Each structure stands twice: as structure tokens, then as C-alpha cells.
C-alpha atoms as a PDB file:
ATOM      1  CA  MET A   1      13.856 -48.676-175.487  1.00  0.00           C
ATOM      2  CA  ILE A   2      16.496 -48.716-178.802  1.00  0.00           C
ATOM      3  CA  TYR A   3      17.490 -44.609-176.879  1.00  0.00           C
ATOM      4  CA  GLN A   4      18.024 -46.206-173.801  1.00  0.00           C
ATOM      5  CA  SER A   5      19.983 -49.812-175.330  1.00  0.00           C
ATOM      6  CA  LEU A   6      22.212 -47.143-176.907  1.00  0.00           C
ATOM      7  CA  GLN A   7      23.110 -45.337-174.460  1.00  0.00           C
ATOM      8  CA  THR A   8      24.171 -48.324-172.448  1.00  0.00           C
ATOM      9  CA  ILE A   9      26.141 -49.038-174.590  1.00  0.00           C
ATOM     10  CA  LEU A  10      27.651 -45.897-175.275  1.00  0.00           C
ATOM     11  CA  VAL A  11      28.353 -45.588-171.394  1.00  0.00           C
ATOM     12  CA  THR A  12      29.846 -49.188-171.697  1.00  0.00           C
ATOM     13  CA  SER A  13      32.376 -48.002-173.971  1.00  0.00           C
ATOM     14  CA  LEU A  14      33.404 -45.060-171.953  1.00  0.00           C
ATOM     15  CA  ILE A  15      33.834 -47.312-169.093  1.00  0.00           C
ATOM     16  CA  LEU A  16      35.632 -50.042-171.083  1.00  0.00           C
ATOM     17  CA  LEU A  17      37.929 -46.596-172.765  1.00  0.00           C
ATOM     18  CA  LEU A  18      38.842 -45.356-169.443  1.00  0.00           C
ATOM     19  CA  THR A  19      39.484 -48.223-167.929  1.00  0.00           C
ATOM     20  CA  ALA A  20      42.048 -49.240-170.692  1.00  0.00           C
ATOM     21  CA  CYS A  21      43.488 -45.690-169.927  1.00  0.00           C
ATOM     22  CA  ALA A  22      44.011 -46.057-166.112  1.00  0.00           C
ATOM     23  CA  ASN A  23      45.730 -49.033-166.735  1.00  0.00           C
ATOM     24  CA  ASN A  24      48.593 -47.750-168.136  1.00  0.00           C
ATOM     25  CA  HIS A  25      51.410 -47.714-165.415  1.00  0.00           C
ATOM     26  CA  VAL A  26      54.384 -47.502-164.557  1.00  0.00           C
ATOM     27  CA  ASP A  27      56.277 -49.157-162.154  1.00  0.00           C
ATOM     28  CA  VAL A  28      58.246 -46.163-160.807  1.00  0.00           C
ATOM     29  CA  LYS A  29      60.931 -48.645-158.959  1.00  0.00           C
ATOM     30  CA  THR A  30      61.979 -49.723-162.470  1.00  0.00           C
ATOM     31  CA  ASN A  31      60.565 -47.839-165.016  1.00  0.00           C
ATOM     32  CA  LYS A  32      58.670 -50.818-166.313  1.00  0.00           C
ATOM     33  CA  ILE A  33      55.284 -50.487-168.229  1.00  0.00           C
ATOM     34  CA  GLU A  34      52.651 -52.812-166.271  1.00  0.00           C
ATOM     35  CA  SER A  35      49.961 -52.399-168.993  1.00  0.00           C
ATOM     36  CA  PRO A  36      48.266 -54.144-171.765  1.00  0.00           C
ATOM     37  CA  ILE A  37      48.939 -51.463-173.940  1.00  0.00           C
ATOM     38  CA  SER A  38      52.265 -51.180-175.833  1.00  0.00           C
ATOM     39  CA  VAL A  39      54.364 -48.635-175.519  1.00  0.00           C
ATOM     40  CA  LYS A  40      53.900 -48.655-179.584  1.00  0.00           C
ATOM     41  CA  GLN A  41      50.455 -47.864-179.056  1.00  0.00           C
ATOM     42  CA  VAL A  42      50.993 -45.294-176.042  1.00  0.00           C
ATOM     43  CA  LEU A  43      53.077 -43.004-178.664  1.00  0.00           C
ATOM     44  CA  TYR A  44      51.573 -43.731-182.102  1.00  0.00           C
ATOM     45  CA  SER A  45      48.171 -42.384-179.800  1.00  0.00           C
ATOM     46  CA  GLN A  46      50.504 -39.432-178.600  1.00  0.00           C
ATOM     47  CA  PHE A  47      51.814 -38.260-182.399  1.00  0.00           C
ATOM     48  CA  SER A  48      47.439 -38.614-183.646  1.00  0.00           C
ATOM     49  CA  GLU A  49      46.895 -36.129-180.502  1.00  0.00           C
ATOM     50  CA  TRP A  50      50.023 -34.010-181.417  1.00  0.00           C
ATOM     51  CA  LYS A  51      50.346 -34.720-185.017  1.00  0.00           C
ATOM     52  CA  ALA A  52      51.695 -31.286-187.022  1.00  0.00           C
ATOM     53  CA  VAL A  53      51.938 -28.956-183.845  1.00  0.00           C
ATOM     54  CA  LYS A  54      54.385 -26.361-185.097  1.00  0.00           C
ATOM     55  CA  TYR A  55      58.054 -26.163-183.403  1.00  0.00           C
ATOM     56  CA  ARG A  56      58.867 -23.435-181.703  1.00  0.00           C
ATOM     57  CA  PHE A  57      62.046 -23.271-179.438  1.00  0.00           C
ATOM     58  CA  GLY A  58      61.329 -23.414-175.719  1.00  0.00           C
ATOM     59  CA  GLY A  59      57.719 -24.291-176.281  1.00  0.00           C
ATOM     60  CA  LEU A  60      56.177 -26.988-173.997  1.00  0.00           C
ATOM     61  CA  SER A  61      52.281 -26.694-175.159  1.00  0.00           C
ATOM     62  CA  LYS A  62      49.783 -27.115-178.615  1.00  0.00           C
ATOM     63  CA  ASN A  63      51.011 -23.394-179.560  1.00  0.00           C
ATOM     64  CA  GLY A  64      54.407 -24.568-180.402  1.00  0.00           C
ATOM     65  CA  ILE A  65      56.874 -27.195-179.021  1.00  0.00           C
ATOM     66  CA  ASP A  66      60.316 -28.082-179.648  1.00  0.00           C
ATOM     67  CA  CYS A  67      61.895 -31.626-179.484  1.00  0.00           C
ATOM     68  CA  SER A  68      62.971 -32.021-175.844  1.00  0.00           C
ATOM     69  CA  GLY A  69      59.719 -30.567-174.944  1.00  0.00           C
ATOM     70  CA  PHE A  70      57.827 -33.232-176.519  1.00  0.00           C
ATOM     71  CA  VAL A  71      59.948 -35.891-175.594  1.00  0.00           C
ATOM     72  CA  TYR A  72      59.502 -34.535-171.921  1.00  0.00           C
ATOM     73  CA  LEU A  73      56.023 -34.161-172.162  1.00  0.00           C
ATOM     74  CA  THR A  74      55.344 -37.790-174.006  1.00  0.00           C
ATOM     75  CA  TYR A  75      57.430 -39.333-170.641  1.00  0.00           C
ATOM     76  CA  LEU A  76      55.373 -37.093-168.199  1.00  0.00           C
ATOM     77  CA  ASP A  77      52.140 -37.663-169.853  1.00  0.00           C
ATOM     78  CA  ASN A  78      52.350 -41.219-170.557  1.00  0.00           C
ATOM     79  CA  PHE A  79      54.703 -42.982-168.266  1.00  0.00           C
ATOM     80  CA  SER A  80      54.399 -40.497-165.633  1.00  0.00           C
ATOM     81  CA  ILE A  81      58.315 -40.324-165.857  1.00  0.00           C
ATOM     82  CA  GLN A  82      59.715 -37.067-165.575  1.00  0.00           C
ATOM     83  CA  LEU A  83      63.159 -36.624-167.849  1.00  0.00           C
ATOM     84  CA  PRO A  84      64.803 -33.654-167.731  1.00  0.00           C
ATOM     85  CA  ARG A  85      63.772 -30.624-170.127  1.00  0.00           C
ATOM     86  CA  THR A  86      66.579 -30.633-172.071  1.00  0.00           C
ATOM     87  CA  THR A  87      68.206 -32.686-175.071  1.00  0.00           C
ATOM     88  CA  GLU A  88      71.883 -32.276-173.364  1.00  0.00           C
ATOM     89  CA  GLN A  89      70.800 -33.677-169.955  1.00  0.00           C
ATOM     90  CA  GLN A  90      67.810 -36.243-171.876  1.00  0.00           C
ATOM     91  CA  VAL A  91      71.060 -37.911-173.079  1.00  0.00           C
ATOM     92  CA  LYS A  92      72.549 -38.518-169.770  1.00  0.00           C
ATOM     93  CA  LYS A  93      69.684 -40.754-168.490  1.00  0.00           C
ATOM     94  CA  GLY A  94      68.834 -44.444-168.662  1.00  0.00           C
ATOM     95  CA  VAL A  95      71.096 -47.337-170.591  1.00  0.00           C
ATOM     96  CA  LYS A  96      73.120 -46.912-173.696  1.00  0.00           C
ATOM     97  CA  VAL A  97      71.514 -48.386-176.816  1.00  0.00           C
ATOM     98  CA  ASN A  98      74.611 -49.854-178.514  1.00  0.00           C
ATOM     99  CA  THR A  99      73.488 -50.548-181.745  1.00  0.00           C
ATOM    100  CA  GLN A 100      69.856 -49.182-184.039  1.00  0.00           C
ATOM    101  CA  ALA A 101      69.252 -52.830-184.528  1.00  0.00           C
ATOM    102  CA  ASN A 102      68.836 -53.265-180.664  1.00  0.00           C
ATOM    103  CA  LEU A 103      66.433 -50.229-180.453  1.00  0.00           C
ATOM    104  CA  LYS A 104      63.103 -51.299-178.429  1.00  0.00           C
ATOM    105  CA  ALA A 105      59.705 -48.596-178.998  1.00  0.00           C
ATOM    106  CA  GLY A 106      60.660 -45.868-176.047  1.00  0.00           C
ATOM    107  CA  ASP A 107      64.249 -45.484-176.960  1.00  0.00           C
ATOM    108  CA  LEU A 108      65.287 -41.957-176.771  1.00  0.00           C
ATOM    109  CA  VAL A 109      67.281 -41.488-180.164  1.00  0.00           C
ATOM    110  CA  PHE A 110      69.666 -38.480-180.776  1.00  0.00           C
ATOM    111  CA  PHE A 111      71.152 -36.645-183.619  1.00  0.00           C
ATOM    112  CA  LYS A 112      74.118 -34.201-184.263  1.00  0.00           C
ATOM    113  CA  THR A 113      72.690 -31.258-186.098  1.00  0.00           C
ATOM    114  CA  GLY A 114      75.164 -28.710-185.493  1.00  0.00           C
ATOM    115  CA  VAL A 115      78.340 -28.132-184.209  1.00  0.00           C
ATOM    116  CA  ARG A 116      76.659 -27.882-180.690  1.00  0.00           C
ATOM    117  CA  GLN A 117      73.199 -28.863-181.785  1.00  0.00           C
ATOM    118  CA  ARG A 118      71.503 -31.814-180.623  1.00  0.00           C
ATOM    119  CA  HIS A 119      68.172 -33.493-181.814  1.00  0.00           C
ATOM    120  CA  VAL A 120      65.768 -35.869-179.450  1.00  0.00           C
ATOM    121  CA  GLY A 121      62.964 -37.883-181.271  1.00  0.00           C
ATOM    122  CA  ILE A 122      61.273 -41.203-179.811  1.00  0.00           C
ATOM    123  CA  TYR A 123      62.095 -44.561-181.728  1.00  0.00           C
ATOM    124  CA  LEU A 124      58.905 -46.602-182.870  1.00  0.00           C
ATOM    125  CA  GLU A 125      59.463 -49.421-184.778  1.00  0.00           C
ATOM    126  CA  LYS A 126      60.950 -50.566-188.463  1.00  0.00           C
ATOM    127  CA  ARG A 127      63.561 -47.546-188.121  1.00  0.00           C
ATOM    128  CA  THR A 128      60.884 -44.980-187.824  1.00  0.00           C
ATOM    129  CA  PHE A 129      60.991 -42.064-185.064  1.00  0.00           C
ATOM    130  CA  LEU A 130      58.376 -39.839-183.813  1.00  0.00           C
ATOM    131  CA  HIS A 131      59.855 -35.690-183.319  1.00  0.00           C
ATOM    132  CA  VAL A 132      59.345 -32.330-183.850  1.00  0.00           C
ATOM    133  CA  SER A 133      60.577 -31.398-186.746  1.00  0.00           C
ATOM    134  CA  THR A 134      61.454 -27.647-187.204  1.00  0.00           C
ATOM    135  CA  LYS A 135      59.964 -27.260-190.799  1.00  0.00           C
ATOM    136  CA  LYS A 136      56.966 -29.784-190.215  1.00  0.00           C
ATOM    137  CA  GLY A 137      56.483 -29.770-186.747  1.00  0.00           C
ATOM    138  CA  VAL A 138      55.901 -33.225-184.379  1.00  0.00           C
ATOM    139  CA  ILE A 139      56.197 -36.557-187.366  1.00  0.00           C
ATOM    140  CA  ILE A 140      57.363 -39.252-187.948  1.00  0.00           C
ATOM    141  CA  SER A 141      60.923 -39.667-189.927  1.00  0.00           C
ATOM    142  CA  ARG A 142      62.621 -42.542-191.016  1.00  0.00           C
ATOM    143  CA  LEU A 143      66.383 -43.552-189.280  1.00  0.00           C
ATOM    144  CA  ASP A 144      67.614 -44.777-192.735  1.00  0.00           C
ATOM    145  CA  ASN A 145      66.352 -41.054-194.451  1.00  0.00           C
ATOM    146  CA  PRO A 146      69.489 -39.275-195.743  1.00  0.00           C
ATOM    147  CA  TYR A 147      69.969 -36.483-193.305  1.00  0.00           C
ATOM    148  CA  TRP A 148      69.170 -38.634-190.408  1.00  0.00           C
ATOM    149  CA  LYS A 149      71.289 -41.555-191.180  1.00  0.00           C
ATOM    150  CA  LYS A 150      74.171 -39.001-191.424  1.00  0.00           C
ATOM    151  CA  ARG A 151      73.094 -37.212-188.041  1.00  0.00           C
ATOM    152  CA  TYR A 152      72.451 -40.295-186.160  1.00  0.00           C
ATOM    153  CA  TRP A 153      74.745 -39.832-182.550  1.00  0.00           C
ATOM    154  CA  ARG A 154      73.689 -42.526-179.918  1.00  0.00           C
ATOM    155  CA  ALA A 155      70.375 -44.138-178.444  1.00  0.00           C
ATOM    156  CA  VAL A 156      69.069 -44.499-174.816  1.00  0.00           C
ATOM    157  CA  ARG A 157      66.845 -46.772-172.851  1.00  0.00           C
ATOM    158  CA  VAL A 158      65.108 -45.010-170.222  1.00  0.00           C
ATOM    159  CA  LEU A 159      62.005 -47.717-170.390  1.00  0.00           C
ATOM    160  CA  ASN A 160      62.761 -51.274-169.399  1.00  0.00           C
ATOM    161  CA  SER A 161      59.661 -52.139-171.150  1.00  0.00           C
END
């Protein structure tokens, strides 16, 4: 009797969990998320899944990933939006966000890290962003960190949430 009750609870919990995941839908025409799950929740879940995966130039898996690859997979897997694969092309998508004060969860934030080098991350909240560090792998950093503050370039909004 107790075993059947536990089994019923587990099956019901699994169905509810799968239903919640299945309801995370993006309207393809507007890129607007139609879901009870917030963009922040989706991004924090993505972070939990990818936390500390190491950096690898050109990488596109949990064996190693680069910054634009992480953005590419995050948008494809979670929002059904296929962005370009490179930072150079990703910066041309969406709508430019005029100031950091206007950033919303899911906005792409770009940095000039060298003469010709660019870096991309995904804004979370409270001046934090999700990205792939060459030294630490997939991490969350702060925009007001002196390194990133000095190199901040621009942001674009791809999601209309």
C-alpha cells in the first residue's frame, strides 16, 4: 500500500515536471516566451546543467564549449531560436539595448576583449551574466567587475519577453 502511494506520487511528480518543461514555448513569429517559467529560471537551470564545463575554442558540447557556442546552444535548446554560431554574427541579431540599466534577462551582452576579439554572455539579473570563461568554464560574472566593466561593448535583445 505504501509502495503504491509512493509510486503514484513519483509518477505524478514526473508528469508535472515534464508538463512544465513542455510548456516552455517560444512564439516563432515574435520570439516571445509563452510560459509560466521565467527566462531567469531557464537560464539558471542552464547554468546548473553546464556549470564548470571547460572552455574550448570552437567547442559545442559538454566536452568543451566557447562563448558563442554556449549562447547558440542555450537559445536553441531553451527558446527554439537559432542564432548564428559566431559572436561576430550574434551581435548583429535582435534589437540594440541602449543602456545597461535597460538590460533584461536573456539579453546578449558583448565585450571587446582584444583588438579583434569579442566575447558574448547572456544577461541574468542584478548586473550578472552567464558566459564561458577561458579559465573557469561556464560561470556567472558581474558586469561591474573591473575586467568586464572596462571591456563592455554593447547588448542586444533577441527575446521579446
